[in-house]
């Protein structure tokens, strides 16, 4: 998931350099969304792993 966020971020940077504003904005939004989804999943996984270790 984090890999896809980085890929869309790179696509957004390349599109911004070449002046494709709409494509850059769309790719940046996708990258941001995927990053936050990854972050939430990582925190949930960490909490579940922490609870499982105490039991």
PDB file of N, CA and C in Angstrom:
ATOM      1  N   UNK A   1       0.842  -1.195   0.000  1.00  0.00           N
ATOM      2  CA  UNK A   1       0.000   0.000   0.000  1.00  0.00           C
ATOM      3  C   UNK A   1       0.880   1.249   0.000  1.00  0.00           C
ATOM      4  N   UNK A   2       1.903   1.246   0.827  1.00  0.00           N
ATOM      5  CA  UNK A   2       2.803   2.397   0.861  1.00  0.00           C
ATOM      6  C   UNK A   2       3.528   2.542  -0.474  1.00  0.00           C
ATOM      7  N   UNK A   3       3.821   1.426  -1.108  1.00  0.00           N
ATOM      8  CA  UNK A   3       4.470   1.444  -2.420  1.00  0.00           C
ATOM      9  C   UNK A   3       3.606   2.188  -3.442  1.00  0.00           C
ATOM     10  N   UNK A   4       2.302   1.901  -3.441  1.00  0.00           N
ATOM     11  CA  UNK A   4       1.394   2.566  -4.382  1.00  0.00           C
ATOM     12  C   UNK A   4       1.291   4.058  -4.087  1.00  0.00           C
ATOM     13  N   UNK A   5       1.331   4.425  -2.811  1.00  0.00           N
ATOM     14  CA  UNK A   5       1.297   5.843  -2.454  1.00  0.00           C
ATOM     15  C   UNK A   5       2.518   6.558  -3.005  1.00  0.00           C
ATOM     16  N   UNK A   6       3.677   5.925  -2.896  1.00  0.00           N
ATOM     17  CA  UNK A   6       4.908   6.521  -3.420  1.00  0.00           C
ATOM     18  C   UNK A   6       4.855   6.607  -4.944  1.00  0.00           C
ATOM     19  N   UNK A   7       4.327   5.575  -5.586  1.00  0.00           N
ATOM     20  CA  UNK A   7       4.219   5.577  -7.046  1.00  0.00           C
ATOM     21  C   UNK A   7       3.328   6.726  -7.517  1.00  0.00           C
ATOM     22  N   UNK A   8       2.166   6.902  -6.873  1.00  0.00           N
ATOM     23  CA  UNK A   8       1.276   7.997  -7.269  1.00  0.00           C
ATOM     24  C   UNK A   8       1.886   9.350  -6.958  1.00  0.00           C
ATOM     25  N   UNK A   9       2.678   9.439  -5.895  1.00  0.00           N
ATOM     26  CA  UNK A   9       3.365  10.692  -5.581  1.00  0.00           C
ATOM     27  C   UNK A   9       4.371  11.037  -6.675  1.00  0.00           C
ATOM     28  N   UNK A  10       5.111  10.051  -7.132  1.00  0.00           N
ATOM     29  CA  UNK A  10       6.089  10.280  -8.206  1.00  0.00           C
ATOM     30  C   UNK A  10       5.368  10.672  -9.493  1.00  0.00           C
ATOM     31  N   UNK A  11       4.262  10.016  -9.786  1.00  0.00           N
ATOM     32  CA  UNK A  11       3.474  10.379 -10.970  1.00  0.00           C
ATOM     33  C   UNK A  11       2.996  11.824 -10.862  1.00  0.00           C
ATOM     34  N   UNK A  12       2.555  12.218  -9.667  1.00  0.00           N
ATOM     35  CA  UNK A  12       2.098  13.595  -9.455  1.00  0.00           C
ATOM     36  C   UNK A  12       3.235  14.581  -9.671  1.00  0.00           C
ATOM     37  N   UNK A  13       4.425  14.258  -9.186  1.00  0.00           N
ATOM     38  CA  UNK A  13       5.570  15.151  -9.376  1.00  0.00           C
ATOM     39  C   UNK A  13       5.932  15.290 -10.851  1.00  0.00           C
ATOM     40  N   UNK A  14       5.957  14.185 -11.560  1.00  0.00           N
ATOM     41  CA  UNK A  14       6.302  14.219 -12.980  1.00  0.00           C
ATOM     42  C   UNK A  14       5.247  14.993 -13.766  1.00  0.00           C
ATOM     43  N   UNK A  15       3.976  14.764 -13.452  1.00  0.00           N
ATOM     44  CA  UNK A  15       2.907  15.480 -14.149  1.00  0.00           C
ATOM     45  C   UNK A  15       2.966  16.974 -13.849  1.00  0.00           C
ATOM     46  N   UNK A  16       3.316  17.329 -12.627  1.00  0.00           N
ATOM     47  CA  UNK A  16       3.417  18.750 -12.269  1.00  0.00           C
ATOM     48  C   UNK A  16       4.567  19.420 -13.015  1.00  0.00           C
ATOM     49  N   UNK A  17       5.685  18.715 -13.166  1.00  0.00           N
ATOM     50  CA  UNK A  17       6.833  19.273 -13.885  1.00  0.00           C
ATOM     51  C   UNK A  17       6.478  19.548 -15.339  1.00  0.00           C
ATOM     52  N   UNK A  18       5.704  18.654 -15.948  1.00  0.00           N
ATOM     53  CA  UNK A  18       5.339  18.826 -17.348  1.00  0.00           C
ATOM     54  C   UNK A  18       4.097  19.688 -17.548  1.00  0.00           C
ATOM     55  N   UNK A  19       3.498  20.173 -16.459  1.00  0.00           N
ATOM     56  CA  UNK A  19       2.404  21.120 -16.565  1.00  0.00           C
ATOM     57  C   UNK A  19       1.017  20.522 -16.667  1.00  0.00           C
ATOM     58  N   UNK A  20       0.873  19.255 -16.356  1.00  0.00           N
ATOM     59  CA  UNK A  20      -0.448  18.636 -16.369  1.00  0.00           C
ATOM     60  C   UNK A  20      -1.063  18.791 -14.979  1.00  0.00           C
ATOM     61  N   UNK A  21      -1.684  19.930 -14.741  1.00  0.00           N
ATOM     62  CA  UNK A  21      -2.186  20.260 -13.409  1.00  0.00           C
ATOM     63  C   UNK A  21      -3.262  19.320 -12.913  1.00  0.00           C
ATOM     64  N   UNK A  22      -4.209  18.969 -13.771  1.00  0.00           N
ATOM     65  CA  UNK A  22      -5.297  18.089 -13.350  1.00  0.00           C
ATOM     66  C   UNK A  22      -4.819  16.700 -12.996  1.00  0.00           C
ATOM     67  N   UNK A  23      -3.922  16.168 -13.803  1.00  0.00           N
ATOM     68  CA  UNK A  23      -3.384  14.833 -13.547  1.00  0.00           C
ATOM     69  C   UNK A  23      -2.537  14.846 -12.284  1.00  0.00           C
ATOM     70  N   UNK A  24      -1.762  15.899 -12.103  1.00  0.00           N
ATOM     71  CA  UNK A  24      -0.915  16.004 -10.913  1.00  0.00           C
ATOM     72  C   UNK A  24      -1.768  16.077  -9.649  1.00  0.00           C
ATOM     73  N   UNK A  25      -2.825  16.855  -9.697  1.00  0.00           N
ATOM     74  CA  UNK A  25      -3.696  16.986  -8.524  1.00  0.00           C
ATOM     75  C   UNK A  25      -4.386  15.662  -8.211  1.00  0.00           C
ATOM     76  N   UNK A  26      -4.853  14.977  -9.243  1.00  0.00           N
ATOM     77  CA  UNK A  26      -5.504  13.687  -9.034  1.00  0.00           C
ATOM     78  C   UNK A  26      -4.556  12.650  -8.461  1.00  0.00           C
ATOM     79  N   UNK A  27      -3.362  12.570  -9.010  1.00  0.00           N
ATOM     80  CA  UNK A  27      -2.379  11.601  -8.512  1.00  0.00           C
ATOM     81  C   UNK A  27      -1.943  11.943  -7.092  1.00  0.00           C
ATOM     82  N   UNK A  28      -1.829  13.220  -6.782  1.00  0.00           N
ATOM     83  CA  UNK A  28      -1.454  13.621  -5.430  1.00  0.00           C
ATOM     84  C   UNK A  28      -2.545  13.256  -4.428  1.00  0.00           C
ATOM     85  N   UNK A  29      -3.797  13.429  -4.809  1.00  0.00           N
ATOM     86  CA  UNK A  29      -4.901  13.064  -3.917  1.00  0.00           C
ATOM     87  C   UNK A  29      -4.925  11.554  -3.675  1.00  0.00           C
ATOM     88  N   UNK A  30      -4.705  10.770  -4.724  1.00  0.00           N
ATOM     89  CA  UNK A  30      -4.671   9.311  -4.578  1.00  0.00           C
ATOM     90  C   UNK A  30      -3.517   8.912  -3.672  1.00  0.00           C
ATOM     91  N   UNK A  31      -2.353   9.521  -3.868  1.00  0.00           N
ATOM     92  CA  UNK A  31      -1.189   9.210  -3.038  1.00  0.00           C
ATOM     93  C   UNK A  31      -1.461   9.544  -1.575  1.00  0.00           C
ATOM     94  N   UNK A  32      -2.097  10.691  -1.340  1.00  0.00           N
ATOM     95  CA  UNK A  32      -2.408  11.106   0.024  1.00  0.00           C
ATOM     96  C   UNK A  32      -3.400  10.133   0.666  1.00  0.00           C
ATOM     97  N   UNK A  33      -4.417   9.748  -0.074  1.00  0.00           N
ATOM     98  CA  UNK A  33      -5.413   8.810   0.439  1.00  0.00           C
ATOM     99  C   UNK A  33      -4.778   7.459   0.767  1.00  0.00           C
ATOM    100  N   UNK A  34      -3.978   6.931  -0.145  1.00  0.00           N
ATOM    101  CA  UNK A  34      -3.333   5.642   0.088  1.00  0.00           C
ATOM    102  C   UNK A  34      -2.380   5.702   1.270  1.00  0.00           C
ATOM    103  N   UNK A  35      -1.688   6.819   1.446  1.00  0.00           N
ATOM    104  CA  UNK A  35      -0.771   6.955   2.572  1.00  0.00           C
ATOM    105  C   UNK A  35      -1.534   6.908   3.895  1.00  0.00           C
ATOM    106  N   UNK A  36      -2.660   7.621   3.975  1.00  0.00           N
ATOM    107  CA  UNK A  36      -3.418   7.624   5.219  1.00  0.00           C
ATOM    108  C   UNK A  36      -4.074   6.274   5.488  1.00  0.00           C
ATOM    109  N   UNK A  37      -4.505   5.590   4.440  1.00  0.00           N
ATOM    110  CA  UNK A  37      -5.048   4.236   4.614  1.00  0.00           C
ATOM    111  C   UNK A  37      -3.951   3.316   5.140  1.00  0.00           C
ATOM    112  N   UNK A  38      -2.750   3.423   4.580  1.00  0.00           N
ATOM    113  CA  UNK A  38      -1.611   2.635   5.053  1.00  0.00           C
ATOM    114  C   UNK A  38      -1.310   2.955   6.510  1.00  0.00           C
ATOM    115  N   UNK A  39      -1.340   4.239   6.864  1.00  0.00           N
ATOM    116  CA  UNK A  39      -1.041   4.647   8.226  1.00  0.00           C
ATOM    117  C   UNK A  39      -2.058   4.068   9.210  1.00  0.00           C
ATOM    118  N   UNK A  40      -3.338   4.132   8.876  1.00  0.00           N
ATOM    119  CA  UNK A  40      -4.379   3.578   9.748  1.00  0.00           C
ATOM    120  C   UNK A  40      -4.209   2.067   9.882  1.00  0.00           C
ATOM    121  N   UNK A  41      -3.948   1.394   8.772  1.00  0.00           N
ATOM    122  CA  UNK A  41      -3.774  -0.058   8.830  1.00  0.00           C
ATOM    123  C   UNK A  41      -2.548  -0.443   9.654  1.00  0.00           C
ATOM    124  N   UNK A  42      -1.482   0.333   9.566  1.00  0.00           N
ATOM    125  CA  UNK A  42      -0.276   0.055  10.347  1.00  0.00           C
ATOM    126  C   UNK A  42      -0.546   0.238  11.837  1.00  0.00           C
ATOM    127  N   UNK A  43      -1.267   1.294  12.212  1.00  0.00           N
ATOM    128  CA  UNK A  43      -1.581   1.525  13.623  1.00  0.00           C
ATOM    129  C   UNK A  43      -2.489   0.419  14.162  1.00  0.00           C
ATOM    130  N   UNK A  44      -3.516   0.043  13.400  1.00  0.00           N
ATOM    131  CA  UNK A  44      -4.418  -1.024  13.821  1.00  0.00           C
ATOM    132  C   UNK A  44      -3.643  -2.332  13.984  1.00  0.00           C
ATOM    133  N   UNK A  45      -2.769  -2.628  13.054  1.00  0.00           N
ATOM    134  CA  UNK A  45      -1.966  -3.841  13.134  1.00  0.00           C
ATOM    135  C   UNK A  45      -1.064  -3.814  14.367  1.00  0.00           C
ATOM    136  N   UNK A  46      -0.481  -2.669  14.647  1.00  0.00           N
ATOM    137  CA  UNK A  46       0.389  -2.539  15.815  1.00  0.00           C
ATOM    138  C   UNK A  46      -0.395  -2.755  17.105  1.00  0.00           C
ATOM    139  N   UNK A  47      -1.582  -2.169  17.199  1.00  0.00           N
ATOM    140  CA  UNK A  47      -2.407  -2.305  18.399  1.00  0.00           C
ATOM    141  C   UNK A  47      -2.855  -3.750  18.587  1.00  0.00           C
ATOM    142  N   UNK A  48      -3.282  -4.393  17.518  1.00  0.00           N
ATOM    143  CA  UNK A  48      -3.719  -5.795  17.618  1.00  0.00           C
ATOM    144  C   UNK A  48      -2.548  -6.684  18.036  1.00  0.00           C
ATOM    145  N   UNK A  49      -1.375  -6.433  17.464  1.00  0.00           N
ATOM    146  CA  UNK A  49      -0.196  -7.207  17.823  1.00  0.00           C
ATOM    147  C   UNK A  49       0.185  -6.971  19.274  1.00  0.00           C
ATOM    148  N   UNK A  50       0.042  -5.755  19.753  1.00  0.00           N
ATOM    149  CA  UNK A  50       0.356  -5.428  21.133  1.00  0.00           C
ATOM    150  C   UNK A  50      -0.602  -6.134  22.086  1.00  0.00           C
ATOM    151  N   UNK A  51      -1.891  -6.157  21.752  1.00  0.00           N
ATOM    152  CA  UNK A  51      -2.886  -6.831  22.585  1.00  0.00           C
ATOM    153  C   UNK A  51      -2.697  -8.341  22.580  1.00  0.00           C
ATOM    154  N   UNK A  52      -2.328  -8.878  21.449  1.00  0.00           N
ATOM    155  CA  UNK A  52      -2.129 -10.323  21.336  1.00  0.00           C
ATOM    156  C   UNK A  52      -0.938 -10.772  22.161  1.00  0.00           C
ATOM    157  N   UNK A  53       0.078  -9.929  22.269  1.00  0.00           N
ATOM    158  CA  UNK A  53       1.277 -10.278  23.034  1.00  0.00           C
ATOM    159  C   UNK A  53       1.011 -10.324  24.531  1.00  0.00           C
ATOM    160  N   UNK A  54       0.067  -9.539  25.026  1.00  0.00           N
ATOM    161  CA  UNK A  54      -0.229  -9.520  26.469  1.00  0.00           C
ATOM    162  C   UNK A  54      -1.082 -10.701  26.889  1.00  0.00           C
ATOM    163  N   UNK A  55      -1.829 -11.261  25.961  1.00  0.00           N
ATOM    164  CA  UNK A  55      -2.775 -12.323  26.303  1.00  0.00           C
ATOM    165  C   UNK A  55      -2.184 -13.653  26.406  1.00  0.00           C
TER     166      UNK A  55
END
